[in-house]
Structures are given as structure tokens and as C-alpha cells.
């Protein structure tokens, strides 16, 4: 169990390092809807994504960067 947690943490941080504020990203939200927004802030494991007037706190490993 510990090894799985460490691997998830590593993956989230690796993805967070590849992002920067202002990047456009997408992820699948609750209910299966695809959400597209702009990176507002990057934390250790999570990223704040702004979509219109809504802010989402998303694990970095769930995000896909849009070119």
C-alpha cells in the first residue's frame, strides 16, 4: 500500500512540474463531464483550475495539457 501511495505522489508531482500558470488543461469532472480551464495556481500535489467563474482543485495526475 505504501509503494502505491508513493508512486501516486511521484506521478502527481511529475505532472505538476510540467505545468505552468496560464496553461490550458482539461480533465474529466464528476458525472463524466469534460472540464477545460486555465491553470491558476500549482500546489505540491494539486492544481487550481479556473473554468469561467468556477475554480476546481484537481490532482495534477488527472490533468491533460491542451496545446
Protein backbone atom coordinates (compact mmCIF):
# COMPACT_ATOMS: atom_id res chain seq x y z
CA UNK A 1 0.00 0.00 0.00
CA UNK A 2 2.83 2.39 0.85
CA UNK A 3 4.51 1.77 -2.51
CA UNK A 4 1.29 2.60 -4.35
CA UNK A 5 0.89 5.86 -2.41
CA UNK A 6 4.47 6.86 -3.16
CA UNK A 7 4.00 6.12 -6.86
CA UNK A 8 0.81 8.24 -6.99
CA UNK A 9 2.58 11.11 -5.24
CA UNK A 10 5.51 10.86 -7.65
CA UNK A 11 3.19 10.89 -10.69
CA UNK A 12 1.23 13.89 -9.40
CA UNK A 13 4.37 15.91 -8.70
CA UNK A 14 5.91 14.98 -12.06
CA UNK A 15 2.82 16.25 -13.87
CA UNK A 16 2.65 19.41 -11.72
CA UNK A 17 6.25 20.25 -12.62
CA UNK A 18 5.40 20.07 -16.32
CA UNK A 19 2.60 22.64 -15.96
CA UNK A 20 2.85 26.38 -15.53
CA UNK A 21 0.36 29.10 -14.62
CA UNK A 22 -1.71 30.10 -17.64
CA UNK A 23 -1.62 26.69 -19.37
CA UNK A 24 -4.89 25.35 -20.74
CA UNK A 25 -5.78 21.94 -19.32
CA UNK A 26 -8.69 19.52 -19.31
CA UNK A 27 -9.92 16.77 -17.04
CA UNK A 28 -12.98 14.61 -16.52
CA UNK A 29 -15.11 16.04 -13.73
CA UNK A 30 -17.75 14.42 -11.60
CA UNK A 31 -20.56 12.98 -13.66
CA UNK A 32 -18.25 12.32 -16.61
CA UNK A 33 -18.26 15.87 -17.97
CA UNK A 34 -15.03 17.10 -19.54
CA UNK A 35 -13.89 20.35 -17.97
CA UNK A 36 -11.48 22.69 -19.75
CA UNK A 37 -9.85 25.57 -17.91
CA UNK A 38 -6.72 27.58 -17.22
CA UNK A 39 -4.15 26.79 -14.53
CA UNK A 40 -4.37 29.46 -11.84
CA UNK A 41 -2.08 28.05 -9.12
CA UNK A 42 0.15 24.99 -8.70
CA UNK A 43 0.47 23.32 -5.29
CA UNK A 44 2.53 20.27 -4.34
CA UNK A 45 0.04 17.65 -5.44
CA UNK A 46 -2.93 19.66 -6.68
CA UNK A 47 -3.58 22.34 -9.26
CA UNK A 48 -6.21 25.08 -9.11
CA UNK A 49 -8.01 25.23 -12.47
CA UNK A 50 -10.29 28.15 -13.31
CA UNK A 51 -13.20 27.45 -15.64
CA UNK A 52 -15.31 30.55 -16.12
CA UNK A 53 -16.31 31.61 -12.60
CA UNK A 54 -15.68 28.16 -11.11
CA UNK A 55 -12.41 27.05 -9.52
CA UNK A 56 -11.51 23.36 -9.31
CA UNK A 57 -8.86 21.83 -7.05
CA UNK A 58 -7.64 18.87 -9.10
CA UNK A 59 -4.94 16.27 -8.55
CA UNK A 60 -2.22 17.01 -11.09
CA UNK A 61 -2.13 13.44 -12.36
CA UNK A 62 -5.72 13.80 -13.68
CA UNK A 63 -4.91 16.79 -15.89
CA UNK A 64 -4.18 16.70 -19.61
CA UNK A 65 -2.43 19.68 -21.13
CA UNK A 66 -4.04 21.14 -24.26
CA UNK A 67 -1.67 22.56 -26.84
